[in-house]
């Protein structure tokens, strides 16, 4: 659904090994299927949201093997993996089935 070159372009990492990127894409596709409650044989929807989510998930998989950051001139910004995954989940419309924590306002 997404290609190795698309991930490299997204990360601005043309020299990153293809095998590592392909493994990250495979893991991202599995993760997206789980988030969408699809089986391993079900095709992922071919929508812009799913494609963007796959790019974000693949990037988060690569993060464990390198330092990810975007650089513009002298400025750079470290990529926060939690933000990547949260945005991917938002794009896929995935929300937790059960609330892990609930805030309750108490009155005195």
N, C-alpha and C. Protein backbone atom coordinates (compact mmCIF):
# COMPACT_ATOMS: atom_id res chain seq x y z
N UNK A 1 0.83 -1.20 0.00
CA UNK A 1 0.00 0.00 0.00
C UNK A 1 0.87 1.26 0.00
N UNK A 2 1.90 1.30 0.86
CA UNK A 2 2.89 2.37 0.78
C UNK A 2 4.21 1.74 0.40
N UNK A 3 5.11 2.54 -0.14
CA UNK A 3 6.37 2.00 -0.62
C UNK A 3 7.53 2.41 0.29
N UNK A 4 8.62 1.72 0.12
CA UNK A 4 9.84 2.04 0.86
C UNK A 4 10.26 3.47 0.54
N UNK A 5 10.17 3.85 -0.72
CA UNK A 5 10.58 5.20 -1.11
C UNK A 5 9.70 6.26 -0.47
N UNK A 6 8.42 6.00 -0.33
CA UNK A 6 7.53 6.97 0.32
C UNK A 6 7.93 7.20 1.77
N UNK A 7 8.29 6.13 2.47
CA UNK A 7 8.72 6.26 3.86
C UNK A 7 10.04 7.02 3.94
N UNK A 8 10.98 6.69 3.05
CA UNK A 8 12.26 7.40 3.03
C UNK A 8 12.06 8.88 2.73
N UNK A 9 11.17 9.19 1.80
CA UNK A 9 10.88 10.59 1.48
C UNK A 9 10.24 11.30 2.67
N UNK A 10 9.31 10.63 3.33
CA UNK A 10 8.64 11.22 4.50
C UNK A 10 9.65 11.54 5.59
N UNK A 11 10.60 10.63 5.81
CA UNK A 11 11.60 10.81 6.86
C UNK A 11 12.80 11.63 6.39
N UNK A 12 12.84 11.92 5.08
CA UNK A 12 14.00 12.59 4.49
C UNK A 12 15.27 11.81 4.83
N UNK A 13 15.21 10.50 4.59
CA UNK A 13 16.33 9.60 4.91
C UNK A 13 16.61 8.71 3.70
N UNK A 14 17.19 9.28 2.62
CA UNK A 14 17.39 8.49 1.40
C UNK A 14 18.38 7.34 1.54
N UNK A 15 19.25 7.40 2.52
CA UNK A 15 20.27 6.36 2.68
C UNK A 15 19.88 5.26 3.66
N UNK A 16 18.67 5.32 4.21
CA UNK A 16 18.25 4.32 5.18
C UNK A 16 18.08 2.98 4.46
N UNK A 17 18.51 1.87 5.06
CA UNK A 17 18.43 0.55 4.40
C UNK A 17 17.00 0.14 4.04
N UNK A 18 16.82 -0.31 2.80
CA UNK A 18 15.50 -0.72 2.32
C UNK A 18 14.89 -1.84 3.16
N UNK A 19 15.71 -2.80 3.58
CA UNK A 19 15.19 -3.95 4.35
C UNK A 19 14.56 -3.49 5.67
N UNK A 20 15.19 -2.55 6.33
CA UNK A 20 14.65 -2.06 7.60
C UNK A 20 13.35 -1.32 7.37
N UNK A 21 13.30 -0.52 6.32
CA UNK A 21 12.08 0.22 6.00
C UNK A 21 10.95 -0.74 5.63
N UNK A 22 11.26 -1.77 4.84
CA UNK A 22 10.23 -2.74 4.46
C UNK A 22 9.70 -3.48 5.67
N UNK A 23 10.57 -3.86 6.60
CA UNK A 23 10.12 -4.51 7.84
C UNK A 23 9.20 -3.58 8.63
N UNK A 24 9.53 -2.30 8.66
CA UNK A 24 8.70 -1.32 9.37
C UNK A 24 7.33 -1.18 8.70
N UNK A 25 7.29 -1.21 7.39
CA UNK A 25 6.02 -1.14 6.66
C UNK A 25 5.16 -2.35 6.97
N UNK A 26 5.78 -3.52 6.98
CA UNK A 26 5.04 -4.75 7.30
C UNK A 26 4.44 -4.67 8.71
N UNK A 27 5.23 -4.23 9.67
CA UNK A 27 4.73 -4.08 11.04
C UNK A 27 3.62 -3.03 11.11
N UNK A 28 3.78 -1.94 10.36
CA UNK A 28 2.76 -0.89 10.34
C UNK A 28 1.44 -1.40 9.78
N UNK A 29 1.52 -2.21 8.72
CA UNK A 29 0.30 -2.77 8.14
C UNK A 29 -0.39 -3.71 9.11
N UNK A 30 0.38 -4.53 9.81
CA UNK A 30 -0.21 -5.43 10.82
C UNK A 30 -0.89 -4.62 11.93
N UNK A 31 -0.20 -3.59 12.37
CA UNK A 31 -0.73 -2.75 13.44
C UNK A 31 -2.01 -2.04 13.00
N UNK A 32 -2.03 -1.54 11.77
CA UNK A 32 -3.22 -0.87 11.24
C UNK A 32 -4.39 -1.84 11.15
N UNK A 33 -4.12 -3.07 10.72
CA UNK A 33 -5.20 -4.08 10.66
C UNK A 33 -5.79 -4.33 12.04
N UNK A 34 -4.93 -4.41 13.05
CA UNK A 34 -5.41 -4.63 14.41
C UNK A 34 -6.25 -3.45 14.88
N UNK A 35 -5.79 -2.24 14.60
CA UNK A 35 -6.52 -1.04 15.01
C UNK A 35 -7.88 -0.95 14.32
N UNK A 36 -7.95 -1.46 13.09
CA UNK A 36 -9.20 -1.44 12.33
C UNK A 36 -10.03 -2.71 12.49
N UNK A 37 -9.57 -3.63 13.34
CA UNK A 37 -10.25 -4.91 13.57
C UNK A 37 -10.41 -5.70 12.28
N UNK A 38 -9.35 -5.77 11.48
CA UNK A 38 -9.35 -6.55 10.25
C UNK A 38 -8.52 -7.81 10.46
N UNK A 39 -8.81 -8.85 9.69
CA UNK A 39 -8.00 -10.06 9.75
C UNK A 39 -6.73 -9.84 8.92
N UNK A 40 -5.81 -10.78 9.02
CA UNK A 40 -4.55 -10.67 8.28
C UNK A 40 -4.75 -10.73 6.77
N UNK A 41 -5.87 -11.30 6.34
CA UNK A 41 -6.12 -11.41 4.90
C UNK A 41 -6.99 -10.28 4.35
N UNK A 42 -7.63 -9.52 5.24
CA UNK A 42 -8.45 -8.40 4.79
C UNK A 42 -7.57 -7.28 4.24
N UNK A 43 -7.95 -6.72 3.10
CA UNK A 43 -7.15 -5.60 2.58
C UNK A 43 -7.42 -4.33 3.39
N UNK A 44 -6.39 -3.53 3.52
CA UNK A 44 -6.57 -2.23 4.17
C UNK A 44 -7.29 -1.29 3.21
N UNK A 45 -8.17 -0.44 3.72
CA UNK A 45 -8.82 0.54 2.84
C UNK A 45 -7.78 1.44 2.18
N UNK A 46 -7.95 1.71 0.91
CA UNK A 46 -7.01 2.56 0.18
C UNK A 46 -7.53 3.99 0.19
N UNK A 47 -7.34 4.64 1.34
CA UNK A 47 -7.76 6.03 1.51
C UNK A 47 -6.55 6.88 1.90
N UNK A 48 -6.63 8.17 1.69
CA UNK A 48 -5.51 9.03 2.10
C UNK A 48 -5.21 8.94 3.60
N UNK A 49 -6.26 8.78 4.41
CA UNK A 49 -6.07 8.68 5.86
C UNK A 49 -5.29 7.42 6.24
N UNK A 50 -5.63 6.31 5.61
CA UNK A 50 -4.95 5.05 5.92
C UNK A 50 -3.50 5.11 5.43
N UNK A 51 -3.28 5.67 4.26
CA UNK A 51 -1.91 5.79 3.74
C UNK A 51 -1.06 6.65 4.67
N UNK A 52 -1.60 7.77 5.13
CA UNK A 52 -0.87 8.65 6.05
C UNK A 52 -0.62 7.93 7.37
N UNK A 53 -1.62 7.20 7.86
CA UNK A 53 -1.45 6.44 9.11
C UNK A 53 -0.35 5.40 8.96
N UNK A 54 -0.29 4.74 7.81
CA UNK A 54 0.77 3.75 7.58
C UNK A 54 2.15 4.41 7.56
N UNK A 55 2.26 5.58 6.96
CA UNK A 55 3.53 6.31 6.98
C UNK A 55 3.95 6.64 8.41
N UNK A 56 3.00 7.09 9.21
CA UNK A 56 3.30 7.44 10.60
C UNK A 56 3.66 6.21 11.42
N UNK A 57 2.92 5.12 11.23
CA UNK A 57 3.21 3.90 11.97
C UNK A 57 4.55 3.30 11.56
N UNK A 58 4.85 3.31 10.27
CA UNK A 58 6.15 2.79 9.81
C UNK A 58 7.28 3.64 10.39
N UNK A 59 7.09 4.94 10.42
CA UNK A 59 8.10 5.83 11.01
C UNK A 59 8.31 5.54 12.48
N UNK A 60 7.22 5.26 13.18
CA UNK A 60 7.35 4.94 14.61
C UNK A 60 8.08 3.62 14.82
N UNK A 61 7.91 2.67 13.90
CA UNK A 61 8.63 1.40 13.99
C UNK A 61 10.13 1.59 13.77
N UNK A 62 10.49 2.50 12.88
CA UNK A 62 11.90 2.78 12.60
C UNK A 62 12.56 3.52 13.75
N UNK A 63 11.79 4.25 14.53
CA UNK A 63 12.33 5.10 15.60
C UNK A 63 13.16 4.33 16.61
N UNK A 64 12.90 3.06 16.79
CA UNK A 64 13.66 2.28 17.76
C UNK A 64 15.08 1.98 17.27
N UNK A 65 15.34 2.23 15.98
CA UNK A 65 16.64 1.90 15.41
C UNK A 65 17.47 3.13 15.04
N UNK A 66 16.90 4.30 15.18
CA UNK A 66 17.63 5.51 14.82
C UNK A 66 17.01 6.70 15.54
N UNK A 67 17.70 7.82 15.54
CA UNK A 67 17.14 9.07 16.07
C UNK A 67 16.39 9.75 14.94
N UNK A 68 15.12 9.95 15.13
CA UNK A 68 14.32 10.59 14.10
C UNK A 68 14.12 12.06 14.43
N UNK A 69 14.40 12.90 13.45
CA UNK A 69 14.14 14.33 13.61
C UNK A 69 14.00 14.96 12.23
N UNK A 70 13.28 16.07 12.20
CA UNK A 70 13.17 16.86 10.98
C UNK A 70 14.10 18.03 11.11
N UNK A 71 14.81 18.34 10.06
CA UNK A 71 15.77 19.45 10.09
C UNK A 71 15.45 20.44 8.97
N UNK A 72 15.45 21.70 9.34
CA UNK A 72 15.31 22.80 8.37
C UNK A 72 16.37 23.83 8.70
N UNK A 73 17.37 23.90 7.88
CA UNK A 73 18.47 24.84 8.14
C UNK A 73 19.17 24.50 9.44
N UNK A 74 19.27 25.46 10.32
CA UNK A 74 19.89 25.25 11.62
C UNK A 74 18.91 24.75 12.67
N UNK A 75 17.63 24.71 12.33
CA UNK A 75 16.61 24.28 13.29
C UNK A 75 16.28 22.81 13.07
N UNK A 76 16.01 22.13 14.16
CA UNK A 76 15.55 20.75 14.04
C UNK A 76 14.53 20.47 15.13
N UNK A 77 13.72 19.46 14.88
CA UNK A 77 12.68 19.07 15.83
C UNK A 77 12.71 17.55 15.96
N UNK A 78 12.84 17.08 17.18
CA UNK A 78 12.84 15.64 17.43
C UNK A 78 11.42 15.13 17.23
N UNK A 79 11.30 13.99 16.58
CA UNK A 79 9.99 13.39 16.34
C UNK A 79 9.58 12.59 17.56
N UNK A 80 8.46 12.92 18.12
CA UNK A 80 7.92 12.22 19.27
C UNK A 80 7.06 11.05 18.77
N UNK A 81 7.50 9.83 19.07
CA UNK A 81 6.82 8.64 18.56
C UNK A 81 5.38 8.54 19.09
N UNK A 82 5.16 8.94 20.31
CA UNK A 82 3.79 8.89 20.85
C UNK A 82 2.86 9.76 20.03
N UNK A 83 3.36 10.92 19.58
CA UNK A 83 2.53 11.79 18.74
C UNK A 83 2.26 11.16 17.38
N UNK A 84 3.25 10.47 16.82
CA UNK A 84 3.05 9.78 15.54
C UNK A 84 1.95 8.73 15.65
N UNK A 85 2.04 7.93 16.70
CA UNK A 85 1.06 6.85 16.89
C UNK A 85 -0.32 7.43 17.19
N UNK A 86 -0.38 8.45 18.01
CA UNK A 86 -1.67 9.08 18.33
C UNK A 86 -2.32 9.64 17.06
N UNK A 87 -1.55 10.28 16.21
CA UNK A 87 -2.09 10.82 14.96
C UNK A 87 -2.53 9.68 14.03
N UNK A 88 -1.77 8.60 13.98
CA UNK A 88 -2.17 7.44 13.16
C UNK A 88 -3.48 6.86 13.67
N UNK A 89 -3.62 6.72 14.98
CA UNK A 89 -4.86 6.20 15.55
C UNK A 89 -6.03 7.13 15.24
N UNK A 90 -5.78 8.45 15.29
CA UNK A 90 -6.84 9.40 14.97
C UNK A 90 -7.26 9.24 13.51
N UNK A 91 -6.28 9.12 12.61
CA UNK A 91 -6.58 8.97 11.19
C UNK A 91 -7.37 7.69 10.90
N UNK A 92 -7.08 6.64 11.64
CA UNK A 92 -7.76 5.36 11.45
C UNK A 92 -9.10 5.30 12.19
N UNK A 93 -9.37 6.31 13.01
CA UNK A 93 -10.62 6.32 13.77
C UNK A 93 -10.63 5.29 14.88
N UNK A 94 -9.44 4.92 15.35
CA UNK A 94 -9.33 3.91 16.40
C UNK A 94 -9.33 4.58 17.77
N UNK A 95 -10.18 4.08 18.62
CA UNK A 95 -10.22 4.57 20.00
C UNK A 95 -10.21 3.35 20.93
N UNK A 96 -9.70 3.49 22.13
CA UNK A 96 -9.69 2.35 23.05
C UNK A 96 -11.11 1.88 23.35
N UNK A 97 -11.25 0.55 23.49
CA UNK A 97 -12.55 -0.01 23.84
C UNK A 97 -12.95 0.34 25.27
N UNK A 98 -11.98 0.38 26.13
CA UNK A 98 -12.24 0.66 27.55
C UNK A 98 -11.38 1.84 27.97
N UNK A 99 -11.93 2.64 28.81
CA UNK A 99 -11.19 3.79 29.31
C UNK A 99 -10.24 3.32 30.39
N UNK A 100 -8.95 3.64 30.23
CA UNK A 100 -7.95 3.22 31.21
C UNK A 100 -8.00 4.05 32.47
N UNK A 101 -8.41 5.29 32.33
CA UNK A 101 -8.44 6.17 33.48
C UNK A 101 -9.61 7.13 33.30
N UNK A 102 -10.27 7.42 34.36
CA UNK A 102 -11.40 8.33 34.29
C UNK A 102 -11.22 9.41 35.34
N UNK A 103 -11.30 10.65 34.91
CA UNK A 103 -11.19 11.76 35.84
C UNK A 103 -12.56 12.09 36.38
N UNK A 104 -12.62 12.26 37.67
CA UNK A 104 -13.89 12.57 38.32
C UNK A 104 -13.69 13.86 39.10
N UNK A 105 -14.58 14.79 38.89
CA UNK A 105 -14.53 16.04 39.65
C UNK A 105 -15.24 15.81 40.98
N UNK A 106 -14.55 16.09 42.03
CA UNK A 106 -15.17 15.92 43.34
C UNK A 106 -15.51 17.29 43.93
N UNK A 107 -16.60 17.33 44.62
CA UNK A 107 -17.02 18.57 45.26
C UNK A 107 -16.71 18.50 46.73
N UNK A 108 -16.36 19.64 47.28
CA UNK A 108 -16.04 19.68 48.71
C UNK A 108 -17.28 19.88 49.52
